[in-house]
Amino acid sequence: MGLNDAKVYTSRGYAYHSIRQNQRAIEDYDKGIKIDPNFALAYNNRGIAYGHLGQYERATQDLDRAIQLDSDFAMAYYNRGVAYSFLGRDSEAYADERKACSLNSEYC
């Protein structure tokens, strides 16, 4: 098994997420992460799914890991900022929003 297998599970997880089956999405992201524990996109996407389930602390843990793996991952900073907002951690949310914007103008 390799990165391609991790991408397959992450893609299927995204498909489940898009039809609001977040628990099934998380299961696929888990599988992708097990295959490649350094696949930042899988952590980002799992963080989003946890956020959609209202599990914002868990979401920030995954998004922290995505950023640790890829310090230029604008989407992960943006998503962590959203999770921080739901947790009432406004200064951290604002800092992540600014960082995402500095990395990719799509997030401005």
PDB file of N, CA and C in Angstrom:
ATOM      1  N   MET A   1       0.837  -1.189   0.000  1.00  0.00           N
ATOM      2  CA  MET A   1       0.000   0.000   0.000  1.00  0.00           C
ATOM      3  C   MET A   1       0.875   1.242   0.000  1.00  0.00           C
ATOM      4  N   GLY A   2       0.379   2.293  -0.643  1.00  0.00           N
ATOM      5  CA  GLY A   2       1.159   3.518  -0.727  1.00  0.00           C
ATOM      6  C   GLY A   2       0.278   4.741  -0.752  1.00  0.00           C
ATOM      7  N   LEU A   3       0.884   5.829  -1.147  1.00  0.00           N
ATOM      8  CA  LEU A   3       0.177   7.101  -1.175  1.00  0.00           C
ATOM      9  C   LEU A   3      -1.059   7.048  -2.057  1.00  0.00           C
ATOM     10  N   ASN A   4      -0.992   6.358  -3.185  1.00  0.00           N
ATOM     11  CA  ASN A   4      -2.162   6.281  -4.059  1.00  0.00           C
ATOM     12  C   ASN A   4      -3.356   5.676  -3.345  1.00  0.00           C
ATOM     13  N   ASP A   5      -3.100   4.662  -2.505  1.00  0.00           N
ATOM     14  CA  ASP A   5      -4.195   4.071  -1.743  1.00  0.00           C
ATOM     15  C   ASP A   5      -4.762   5.074  -0.736  1.00  0.00           C
ATOM     16  N   ALA A   6      -3.890   5.845  -0.104  1.00  0.00           N
ATOM     17  CA  ALA A   6      -4.345   6.873   0.832  1.00  0.00           C
ATOM     18  C   ALA A   6      -5.195   7.910   0.110  1.00  0.00           C
ATOM     19  N   LYS A   7      -4.800   8.259  -1.103  1.00  0.00           N
ATOM     20  CA  LYS A   7      -5.579   9.219  -1.890  1.00  0.00           C
ATOM     21  C   LYS A   7      -6.953   8.660  -2.250  1.00  0.00           C
ATOM     22  N   VAL A   8      -7.023   7.365  -2.545  1.00  0.00           N
ATOM     23  CA  VAL A   8      -8.305   6.748  -2.884  1.00  0.00           C
ATOM     24  C   VAL A   8      -9.261   6.848  -1.695  1.00  0.00           C
ATOM     25  N   TYR A   9      -8.782   6.486  -0.495  1.00  0.00           N
ATOM     26  CA  TYR A   9      -9.643   6.569   0.689  1.00  0.00           C
ATOM     27  C   TYR A   9     -10.020   8.022   0.994  1.00  0.00           C
ATOM     28  N   THR A  10      -9.086   8.941   0.806  1.00  0.00           N
ATOM     29  CA  THR A  10      -9.375  10.343   1.061  1.00  0.00           C
ATOM     30  C   THR A  10     -10.395  10.874   0.059  1.00  0.00           C
ATOM     31  N   SER A  11     -10.290  10.452  -1.182  1.00  0.00           N
ATOM     32  CA  SER A  11     -11.269  10.863  -2.197  1.00  0.00           C
ATOM     33  C   SER A  11     -12.651  10.310  -1.883  1.00  0.00           C
ATOM     34  N   ARG A  12     -12.708   9.049  -1.482  1.00  0.00           N
ATOM     35  CA  ARG A  12     -14.010   8.472  -1.142  1.00  0.00           C
ATOM     36  C   ARG A  12     -14.572   9.138   0.114  1.00  0.00           C
ATOM     37  N   GLY A  13     -13.688   9.450   1.060  1.00  0.00           N
ATOM     38  CA  GLY A  13     -14.129  10.170   2.257  1.00  0.00           C
ATOM     39  C   GLY A  13     -14.742  11.507   1.892  1.00  0.00           C
ATOM     40  N   TYR A  14     -14.115  12.191   0.944  1.00  0.00           N
ATOM     41  CA  TYR A  14     -14.658  13.475   0.490  1.00  0.00           C
ATOM     42  C   TYR A  14     -16.029  13.287  -0.152  1.00  0.00           C
ATOM     43  N   ALA A  15     -16.196  12.203  -0.895  1.00  0.00           N
ATOM     44  CA  ALA A  15     -17.499  11.926  -1.513  1.00  0.00           C
ATOM     45  C   ALA A  15     -18.557  11.709  -0.430  1.00  0.00           C
ATOM     46  N   TYR A  16     -18.216  10.947   0.614  1.00  0.00           N
ATOM     47  CA  TYR A  16     -19.164  10.761   1.722  1.00  0.00           C
ATOM     48  C   TYR A  16     -19.470  12.100   2.397  1.00  0.00           C
ATOM     49  N   HIS A  17     -18.435  12.891   2.597  1.00  0.00           N
ATOM     50  CA  HIS A  17     -18.628  14.191   3.225  1.00  0.00           C
ATOM     51  C   HIS A  17     -19.576  15.060   2.397  1.00  0.00           C
ATOM     52  N   SER A  18     -19.436  15.014   1.087  1.00  0.00           N
ATOM     53  CA  SER A  18     -20.255  15.863   0.219  1.00  0.00           C
ATOM     54  C   SER A  18     -21.735  15.503   0.274  1.00  0.00           C
ATOM     55  N   ILE A  19     -22.034  14.279   0.712  1.00  0.00           N
ATOM     56  CA  ILE A  19     -23.446  13.900   0.887  1.00  0.00           C
ATOM     57  C   ILE A  19     -23.814  13.827   2.371  1.00  0.00           C
ATOM     58  N   ARG A  20     -23.001  14.525   3.173  1.00  0.00           N
ATOM     59  CA  ARG A  20     -23.254  14.710   4.603  1.00  0.00           C
ATOM     60  C   ARG A  20     -23.204  13.420   5.416  1.00  0.00           C
ATOM     61  N   GLN A  21     -22.453  12.470   4.946  1.00  0.00           N
ATOM     62  CA  GLN A  21     -22.228  11.242   5.706  1.00  0.00           C
ATOM     63  C   GLN A  21     -20.842  11.348   6.356  1.00  0.00           C
ATOM     64  N   ASN A  22     -20.762  12.261   7.321  1.00  0.00           N
ATOM     65  CA  ASN A  22     -19.470  12.613   7.903  1.00  0.00           C
ATOM     66  C   ASN A  22     -18.819  11.473   8.677  1.00  0.00           C
ATOM     67  N   GLN A  23     -19.602  10.648   9.338  1.00  0.00           N
ATOM     68  CA  GLN A  23     -18.995   9.533  10.075  1.00  0.00           C
ATOM     69  C   GLN A  23     -18.341   8.547   9.107  1.00  0.00           C
ATOM     70  N   ARG A  24     -19.000   8.261   8.012  1.00  0.00           N
ATOM     71  CA  ARG A  24     -18.402   7.377   6.998  1.00  0.00           C
ATOM     72  C   ARG A  24     -17.174   8.032   6.375  1.00  0.00           C
ATOM     73  N   ALA A  25     -17.228   9.332   6.179  1.00  0.00           N
ATOM     74  CA  ALA A  25     -16.074  10.060   5.656  1.00  0.00           C
ATOM     75  C   ALA A  25     -14.888   9.910   6.606  1.00  0.00           C
ATOM     76  N   ILE A  26     -15.136  10.090   7.889  1.00  0.00           N
ATOM     77  CA  ILE A  26     -14.074   9.967   8.896  1.00  0.00           C
ATOM     78  C   ILE A  26     -13.457   8.577   8.855  1.00  0.00           C
ATOM     79  N   GLU A  27     -14.280   7.563   8.695  1.00  0.00           N
ATOM     80  CA  GLU A  27     -13.752   6.193   8.618  1.00  0.00           C
ATOM     81  C   GLU A  27     -12.793   6.045   7.439  1.00  0.00           C
ATOM     82  N   ASP A  28     -13.125   6.636   6.302  1.00  0.00           N
ATOM     83  CA  ASP A  28     -12.221   6.558   5.152  1.00  0.00           C
ATOM     84  C   ASP A  28     -10.973   7.406   5.362  1.00  0.00           C
ATOM     85  N   TYR A  29     -11.128   8.568   5.953  1.00  0.00           N
ATOM     86  CA  TYR A  29      -9.942   9.379   6.240  1.00  0.00           C
ATOM     87  C   TYR A  29      -9.017   8.628   7.201  1.00  0.00           C
ATOM     88  N   ASP A  30      -9.612   7.942   8.175  1.00  0.00           N
ATOM     89  CA  ASP A  30      -8.811   7.127   9.099  1.00  0.00           C
ATOM     90  C   ASP A  30      -7.988   6.091   8.336  1.00  0.00           C
ATOM     91  N   LYS A  31      -8.620   5.453   7.375  1.00  0.00           N
ATOM     92  CA  LYS A  31      -7.921   4.433   6.582  1.00  0.00           C
ATOM     93  C   LYS A  31      -6.791   5.050   5.772  1.00  0.00           C
ATOM     94  N   GLY A  32      -7.051   6.198   5.169  1.00  0.00           N
ATOM     95  CA  GLY A  32      -6.013   6.881   4.409  1.00  0.00           C
ATOM     96  C   GLY A  32      -4.838   7.276   5.290  1.00  0.00           C
ATOM     97  N   ILE A  33      -5.135   7.771   6.479  1.00  0.00           N
ATOM     98  CA  ILE A  33      -4.090   8.187   7.415  1.00  0.00           C
ATOM     99  C   ILE A  33      -3.296   6.981   7.905  1.00  0.00           C
ATOM    100  N   LYS A  34      -3.971   5.871   8.097  1.00  0.00           N
ATOM    101  CA  LYS A  34      -3.264   4.652   8.522  1.00  0.00           C
ATOM    102  C   LYS A  34      -2.254   4.224   7.453  1.00  0.00           C
ATOM    103  N   ILE A  35      -2.635   4.348   6.189  1.00  0.00           N
ATOM    104  CA  ILE A  35      -1.739   3.982   5.089  1.00  0.00           C
ATOM    105  C   ILE A  35      -0.594   4.984   4.977  1.00  0.00           C
ATOM    106  N   ASP A  36      -0.920   6.267   5.060  1.00  0.00           N
ATOM    107  CA  ASP A  36       0.109   7.311   4.938  1.00  0.00           C
ATOM    108  C   ASP A  36      -0.116   8.346   6.039  1.00  0.00           C
ATOM    109  N   PRO A  37       0.540   8.175   7.171  1.00  0.00           N
ATOM    110  CA  PRO A  37       0.349   9.099   8.292  1.00  0.00           C
ATOM    111  C   PRO A  37       0.904  10.500   8.054  1.00  0.00           C
ATOM    112  N   ASN A  38       1.493  10.732   6.892  1.00  0.00           N
ATOM    113  CA  ASN A  38       2.026  12.051   6.559  1.00  0.00           C
ATOM    114  C   ASN A  38       1.229  12.750   5.459  1.00  0.00           C
ATOM    115  N   PHE A  39       0.013  12.295   5.216  1.00  0.00           N
ATOM    116  CA  PHE A  39      -0.830  12.843   4.155  1.00  0.00           C
ATOM    117  C   PHE A  39      -1.688  13.965   4.738  1.00  0.00           C
ATOM    118  N   ALA A  40      -1.196  15.195   4.580  1.00  0.00           N
ATOM    119  CA  ALA A  40      -1.827  16.360   5.205  1.00  0.00           C
ATOM    120  C   ALA A  40      -3.280  16.557   4.789  1.00  0.00           C
ATOM    121  N   LEU A  41      -3.596  16.293   3.528  1.00  0.00           N
ATOM    122  CA  LEU A  41      -4.966  16.500   3.058  1.00  0.00           C
ATOM    123  C   LEU A  41      -5.959  15.619   3.811  1.00  0.00           C
ATOM    124  N   ALA A  42      -5.575  14.402   4.145  1.00  0.00           N
ATOM    125  CA  ALA A  42      -6.481  13.516   4.880  1.00  0.00           C
ATOM    126  C   ALA A  42      -6.788  14.082   6.265  1.00  0.00           C
ATOM    127  N   TYR A  43      -5.769  14.645   6.936  1.00  0.00           N
ATOM    128  CA  TYR A  43      -6.009  15.265   8.243  1.00  0.00           C
ATOM    129  C   TYR A  43      -6.893  16.500   8.105  1.00  0.00           C
ATOM    130  N   ASN A  44      -6.636  17.312   7.092  1.00  0.00           N
ATOM    131  CA  ASN A  44      -7.459  18.489   6.853  1.00  0.00           C
ATOM    132  C   ASN A  44      -8.923  18.086   6.657  1.00  0.00           C
ATOM    133  N   ASN A  45      -9.143  17.131   5.786  1.00  0.00           N
ATOM    134  CA  ASN A  45     -10.516  16.730   5.479  1.00  0.00           C
ATOM    135  C   ASN A  45     -11.204  16.083   6.673  1.00  0.00           C
ATOM    136  N   ARG A  46     -10.446  15.281   7.434  1.00  0.00           N
ATOM    137  CA  ARG A  46     -11.049  14.672   8.627  1.00  0.00           C
ATOM    138  C   ARG A  46     -11.387  15.763   9.636  1.00  0.00           C
ATOM    139  N   GLY A  47     -10.532  16.777   9.735  1.00  0.00           N
ATOM    140  CA  GLY A  47     -10.829  17.898  10.623  1.00  0.00           C
ATOM    141  C   GLY A  47     -12.119  18.606  10.236  1.00  0.00           C
ATOM    142  N   ILE A  48     -12.315  18.796   8.945  1.00  0.00           N
ATOM    143  CA  ILE A  48     -13.558  19.410   8.469  1.00  0.00           C
ATOM    144  C   ILE A  48     -14.758  18.547   8.863  1.00  0.00           C
ATOM    145  N   ALA A  49     -14.644  17.243   8.651  1.00  0.00           N
ATOM    146  CA  ALA A  49     -15.751  16.334   8.975  1.00  0.00           C
ATOM    147  C   ALA A  49     -16.062  16.374  10.469  1.00  0.00           C
ATOM    148  N   TYR A  50     -15.024  16.375  11.306  1.00  0.00           N
ATOM    149  CA  TYR A  50     -15.274  16.494  12.752  1.00  0.00           C
ATOM    150  C   TYR A  50     -15.957  17.823  13.066  1.00  0.00           C
ATOM    151  N   GLY A  51     -15.550  18.876  12.401  1.00  0.00           N
ATOM    152  CA  GLY A  51     -16.196  20.167  12.605  1.00  0.00           C
ATOM    153  C   GLY A  51     -17.669  20.129  12.246  1.00  0.00           C
ATOM    154  N   HIS A  52     -17.998  19.457  11.164  1.00  0.00           N
ATOM    155  CA  HIS A  52     -19.398  19.349  10.760  1.00  0.00           C
ATOM    156  C   HIS A  52     -20.212  18.512  11.745  1.00  0.00           C
ATOM    157  N   LEU A  53     -19.534  17.706  12.544  1.00  0.00           N
ATOM    158  CA  LEU A  53     -20.214  16.943  13.596  1.00  0.00           C
ATOM    159  C   LEU A  53     -20.227  17.708  14.920  1.00  0.00           C
ATOM    160  N   GLY A  54     -19.706  18.937  14.908  1.00  0.00           N
ATOM    161  CA  GLY A  54     -19.685  19.745  16.123  1.00  0.00           C
ATOM    162  C   GLY A  54     -18.541  19.408  17.060  1.00  0.00           C
ATOM    163  N   GLN A  55     -17.596  18.618  16.617  1.00  0.00           N
ATOM    164  CA  GLN A  55     -16.456  18.207  17.438  1.00  0.00           C
ATOM    165  C   GLN A  55     -15.250  19.102  17.104  1.00  0.00           C
ATOM    166  N   TYR A  56     -15.339  20.350  17.535  1.00  0.00           N
ATOM    167  CA  TYR A  56     -14.376  21.359  17.112  1.00  0.00           C
ATOM    168  C   TYR A  56     -12.993  21.163  17.721  1.00  0.00           C
ATOM    169  N   GLU A  57     -12.912  20.705  18.952  1.00  0.00           N
ATOM    170  CA  GLU A  57     -11.594  20.430  19.541  1.00  0.00           C
ATOM    171  C   GLU A  57     -10.891  19.337  18.742  1.00  0.00           C
ATOM    172  N   ARG A  58     -11.627  18.302  18.427  1.00  0.00           N
ATOM    173  CA  ARG A  58     -11.051  17.206  17.631  1.00  0.00           C
ATOM    174  C   ARG A  58     -10.663  17.711  16.246  1.00  0.00           C
ATOM    175  N   ALA A  59     -11.471  18.568  15.697  1.00  0.00           N
ATOM    176  CA  ALA A  59     -11.165  19.163  14.390  1.00  0.00           C
ATOM    177  C   ALA A  59      -9.841  19.919  14.447  1.00  0.00           C
ATOM    178  N   THR A  60      -9.650  20.739  15.494  1.00  0.00           N
ATOM    179  CA  THR A  60      -8.407  21.514  15.576  1.00  0.00           C
ATOM    180  C   THR A  60      -7.193  20.606  15.709  1.00  0.00           C
ATOM    181  N   GLN A  61      -7.339  19.465  16.362  1.00  0.00           N
ATOM    182  CA  GLN A  61      -6.207  18.531  16.478  1.00  0.00           C
ATOM    183  C   GLN A  61      -5.780  18.032  15.101  1.00  0.00           C
ATOM    184  N   ASP A  62      -6.745  17.652  14.285  1.00  0.00           N
ATOM    185  CA  ASP A  62      -6.415  17.189  12.933  1.00  0.00           C
ATOM    186  C   ASP A  62      -5.844  18.316  12.084  1.00  0.00           C
ATOM    187  N   LEU A  63      -6.395  19.493  12.223  1.00  0.00           N
ATOM    188  CA  LEU A  63      -5.911  20.618  11.429  1.00  0.00           C
ATOM    189  C   LEU A  63      -4.523  21.055  11.889  1.00  0.00           C
ATOM    190  N   ASP A  64      -4.256  20.948  13.184  1.00  0.00           N
ATOM    191  CA  ASP A  64      -2.896  21.185  13.673  1.00  0.00           C
ATOM    192  C   ASP A  64      -1.919  20.232  12.994  1.00  0.00           C
ATOM    193  N   ARG A  65      -2.309  18.964  12.903  1.00  0.00           N
ATOM    194  CA  ARG A  65      -1.430  17.963  12.294  1.00  0.00           C
ATOM    195  C   ARG A  65      -1.225  18.256  10.801  1.00  0.00           C
ATOM    196  N   ALA A  66      -2.279  18.639  10.106  1.00  0.00           N
ATOM    197  CA  ALA A  66      -2.154  18.980   8.684  1.00  0.00           C
ATOM    198  C   ALA A  66      -1.158  20.122   8.503  1.00  0.00           C
ATOM    199  N   ILE A  67      -1.237  21.124   9.367  1.00  0.00           N
ATOM    200  CA  ILE A  67      -0.336  22.270   9.281  1.00  0.00           C
ATOM    201  C   ILE A  67       1.088  21.871   9.663  1.00  0.00           C
ATOM    202  N   GLN A  68       1.207  20.997  10.641  1.00  0.00           N
ATOM    203  CA  GLN A  68       2.535  20.501  11.020  1.00  0.00           C
ATOM    204  C   GLN A  68       3.197  19.794   9.834  1.00  0.00           C
ATOM    205  N   LEU A  69       2.414  19.048   9.076  1.00  0.00           N
ATOM    206  CA  LEU A  69       2.935  18.318   7.922  1.00  0.00           C
ATOM    207  C   LEU A  69       3.208  19.226   6.731  1.00  0.00           C
ATOM    208  N   ASP A  70       2.417  20.286   6.604  1.00  0.00           N
ATOM    209  CA  ASP A  70       2.568  21.210   5.468  1.00  0.00           C
ATOM    210  C   ASP A  70       2.304  22.630   5.959  1.00  0.00           C
ATOM    211  N   SER A  71       3.362  23.323   6.306  1.00  0.00           N
ATOM    212  CA  SER A  71       3.220  24.653   6.918  1.00  0.00           C
ATOM    213  C   SER A  71       2.682  25.707   5.951  1.00  0.00           C
ATOM    214  N   ASP A  72       2.576  25.375   4.672  1.00  0.00           N
ATOM    215  CA  ASP A  72       2.018  26.300   3.683  1.00  0.00           C
ATOM    216  C   ASP A  72       0.621  25.900   3.224  1.00  0.00           C
ATOM    217  N   PHE A  73      -0.072  25.104   3.988  1.00  0.00           N
ATOM    218  CA  PHE A  73      -1.383  24.561   3.629  1.00  0.00           C
ATOM    219  C   PHE A  73      -2.468  25.570   4.011  1.00  0.00           C
ATOM    220  N   ALA A  74      -2.722  26.510   3.125  1.00  0.00           N
ATOM    221  CA  ALA A  74      -3.661  27.608   3.400  1.00  0.00           C
ATOM    222  C   ALA A  74      -5.034  27.100   3.811  1.00  0.00           C
ATOM    223  N   MET A  75      -5.530  26.077   3.129  1.00  0.00           N
ATOM    224  CA  MET A  75      -6.865  25.561   3.441  1.00  0.00           C
ATOM    225  C   MET A  75      -6.943  25.065   4.888  1.00  0.00           C
ATOM    226  N   ALA A  76      -5.886  24.446   5.377  1.00  0.00           N
ATOM    227  CA  ALA A  76      -5.888  23.945   6.753  1.00  0.00           C
ATOM    228  C   ALA A  76      -5.914  25.099   7.751  1.00  0.00           C
ATOM    229  N   TYR A  77      -5.170  26.168   7.473  1.00  0.00           N
ATOM    230  CA  TYR A  77      -5.232  27.342   8.353  1.00  0.00           C
ATOM    231  C   TYR A  77      -6.648  27.923   8.351  1.00  0.00           C
ATOM    232  N   TYR A  78      -7.234  28.039   7.182  1.00  0.00           N
ATOM    233  CA  TYR A  78      -8.592  28.569   7.077  1.00  0.00           C
ATOM    234  C   TYR A  78      -9.570  27.707   7.886  1.00  0.00           C
ATOM    235  N   ASN A  79      -9.498  26.391   7.684  1.00  0.00           N
ATOM    236  CA  ASN A  79     -10.423  25.495   8.367  1.00  0.00           C
ATOM    237  C   ASN A  79     -10.212  25.494   9.872  1.00  0.00           C
ATOM    238  N   ARG A  80      -8.952  25.580  10.307  1.00  0.00           N
ATOM    239  CA  ARG A  80      -8.699  25.653  11.740  1.00  0.00           C
ATOM    240  C   ARG A  80      -9.256  26.954  12.297  1.00  0.00           C
ATOM    241  N   GLY A  81      -9.144  28.033  11.521  1.00  0.00           N
ATOM    242  CA  GLY A  81      -9.727  29.296  11.956  1.00  0.00           C
ATOM    243  C   GLY A  81     -11.231  29.203  12.157  1.00  0.00           C
ATOM    244  N   VAL A  82     -11.896  28.486  11.262  1.00  0.00           N
ATOM    245  CA  VAL A  82     -13.344  28.276  11.403  1.00  0.00           C
ATOM    246  C   VAL A  82     -13.637  27.507  12.693  1.00  0.00           C
ATOM    247  N   ALA A  83     -12.877  26.452  12.940  1.00  0.00           N
ATOM    248  CA  ALA A  83     -13.080  25.663  14.165  1.00  0.00           C
ATOM    249  C   ALA A  83     -12.820  26.519  15.403  1.00  0.00           C
ATOM    250  N   TYR A  84     -11.751  27.309  15.372  1.00  0.00           N
ATOM    251  CA  TYR A  84     -11.474  28.203  16.501  1.00  0.00           C
ATOM    252  C   TYR A  84     -12.635  29.172  16.725  1.00  0.00           C
ATOM    253  N   SER A  85     -13.236  29.668  15.661  1.00  0.00           N
ATOM    254  CA  SER A  85     -14.375  30.578  15.798  1.00  0.00           C
ATOM    255  C   SER A  85     -15.516  29.914  16.555  1.00  0.00           C
ATOM    256  N   PHE A  86     -15.813  28.671  16.199  1.00  0.00           N
ATOM    257  CA  PHE A  86     -16.890  27.949  16.885  1.00  0.00           C
ATOM    258  C   PHE A  86     -16.546  27.695  18.352  1.00  0.00           C
ATOM    259  N   LEU A  87     -15.260  27.634  18.664  1.00  0.00           N
ATOM    260  CA  LEU A  87     -14.835  27.429  20.048  1.00  0.00           C
ATOM    261  C   LEU A  87     -14.722  28.745  20.824  1.00  0.00           C
ATOM    262  N   GLY A  88     -14.984  29.862  20.141  1.00  0.00           N
ATOM    263  CA  GLY A  88     -14.885  31.163  20.783  1.00  0.00           C
ATOM    264  C   GLY A  88     -13.454  31.636  20.963  1.00  0.00           C
ATOM    265  N   ARG A  89     -12.541  31.050  20.238  1.00  0.00           N
ATOM    266  CA  ARG A  89     -11.118  31.418  20.313  1.00  0.00           C
ATOM    267  C   ARG A  89     -10.825  32.406  19.171  1.00  0.00           C
ATOM    268  N   ASP A  90     -11.374  33.605  19.338  1.00  0.00           N
ATOM    269  CA  ASP A  90     -11.398  34.585  18.251  1.00  0.00           C
ATOM    270  C   ASP A  90     -10.021  35.071  17.820  1.00  0.00           C
ATOM    271  N   SER A  91      -9.118  35.284  18.749  1.00  0.00           N
ATOM    272  CA  SER A  91      -7.795  35.785  18.342  1.00  0.00           C
ATOM    273  C   SER A  91      -7.042  34.736  17.533  1.00  0.00           C
ATOM    274  N   GLU A  92      -7.187  33.472  17.896  1.00  0.00           N
ATOM    275  CA  GLU A  92      -6.556  32.399  17.125  1.00  0.00           C
ATOM    276  C   GLU A  92      -7.228  32.248  15.758  1.00  0.00           C
ATOM    277  N   ALA A  93      -8.544  32.394  15.734  1.00  0.00           N
ATOM    278  CA  ALA A  93      -9.273  32.320  14.470  1.00  0.00           C
ATOM    279  C   ALA A  93      -8.803  33.424  13.526  1.00  0.00           C
ATOM    280  N   TYR A  94      -8.665  34.627  14.062  1.00  0.00           N
ATOM    281  CA  TYR A  94      -8.229  35.756  13.239  1.00  0.00           C
ATOM    282  C   TYR A  94      -6.809  35.536  12.718  1.00  0.00           C
ATOM    283  N   ALA A  95      -5.924  35.039  13.566  1.00  0.00           N
ATOM    284  CA  ALA A  95      -4.541  34.780  13.151  1.00  0.00           C
ATOM    285  C   ALA A  95      -4.496  33.746  12.025  1.00  0.00           C
ATOM    286  N   ASP A  96      -5.312  32.693  12.150  1.00  0.00           N
ATOM    287  CA  ASP A  96      -5.343  31.679  11.095  1.00  0.00           C
ATOM    288  C   ASP A  96      -5.953  32.219   9.807  1.00  0.00           C
ATOM    289  N   GLU A  97      -6.954  33.076   9.934  1.00  0.00           N
ATOM    290  CA  GLU A  97      -7.548  33.697   8.748  1.00  0.00           C
ATOM    291  C   GLU A  97      -6.504  34.540   8.019  1.00  0.00           C
ATOM    292  N   ARG A  98      -5.736  35.312   8.759  1.00  0.00           N
ATOM    293  CA  ARG A  98      -4.682  36.131   8.148  1.00  0.00           C
ATOM    294  C   ARG A  98      -3.608  35.262   7.502  1.00  0.00           C
ATOM    295  N   LYS A  99      -3.238  34.178   8.168  1.00  0.00           N
ATOM    296  CA  LYS A  99      -2.210  33.293   7.616  1.00  0.00           C
ATOM    297  C   LYS A  99      -2.712  32.649   6.326  1.00  0.00           C
ATOM    298  N   ALA A 100      -3.940  32.162   6.319  1.00  0.00           N
ATOM    299  CA  ALA A 100      -4.513  31.548   5.113  1.00  0.00           C
ATOM    300  C   ALA A 100      -4.509  32.555   3.966  1.00  0.00           C
ATOM    301  N   CYS A 101      -4.899  33.773   4.256  1.00  0.00           N
ATOM    302  CA  CYS A 101      -4.941  34.828   3.228  1.00  0.00           C
ATOM    303  C   CYS A 101      -3.542  35.134   2.700  1.00  0.00           C
ATOM    304  N   SER A 102      -2.554  35.144   3.586  1.00  0.00           N
ATOM    305  CA  SER A 102      -1.184  35.445   3.152  1.00  0.00           C
ATOM    306  C   SER A 102      -0.620  34.347   2.253  1.00  0.00           C
ATOM    307  N   LEU A 103      -1.110  33.115   2.439  1.00  0.00           N
ATOM    308  CA  LEU A 103      -0.651  31.983   1.637  1.00  0.00           C
ATOM    309  C   LEU A 103      -1.394  31.835   0.328  1.00  0.00           C
ATOM    310  N   ASN A 104      -2.686  32.238   0.347  1.00  0.00           N
ATOM    311  CA  ASN A 104      -3.521  32.053  -0.845  1.00  0.00           C
ATOM    312  C   ASN A 104      -4.630  33.108  -0.823  1.00  0.00           C
ATOM    313  N   SER A 105      -4.632  33.992  -1.793  1.00  0.00           N
ATOM    314  CA  SER A 105      -5.603  35.087  -1.818  1.00  0.00           C
ATOM    315  C   SER A 105      -7.046  34.599  -1.923  1.00  0.00           C
ATOM    316  N   GLU A 106      -7.251  33.346  -2.274  1.00  0.00           N
ATOM    317  CA  GLU A 106      -8.598  32.771  -2.323  1.00  0.00           C
ATOM    318  C   GLU A 106      -9.261  32.823  -0.941  1.00  0.00           C
ATOM    319  N   TYR A 107      -8.452  32.875   0.125  1.00  0.00           N
ATOM    320  CA  TYR A 107      -8.981  32.873   1.484  1.00  0.00           C
ATOM    321  C   TYR A 107      -9.059  34.273   2.093  1.00  0.00           C
ATOM    322  N   CYS A 108      -8.939  35.298   1.256  1.00  0.00           N
ATOM    323  CA  CYS A 108      -9.007  36.682   1.747  1.00  0.00           C
ATOM    324  C   CYS A 108     -10.432  37.213   1.693  1.00  0.00           C
TER     325      CYS A 108
END
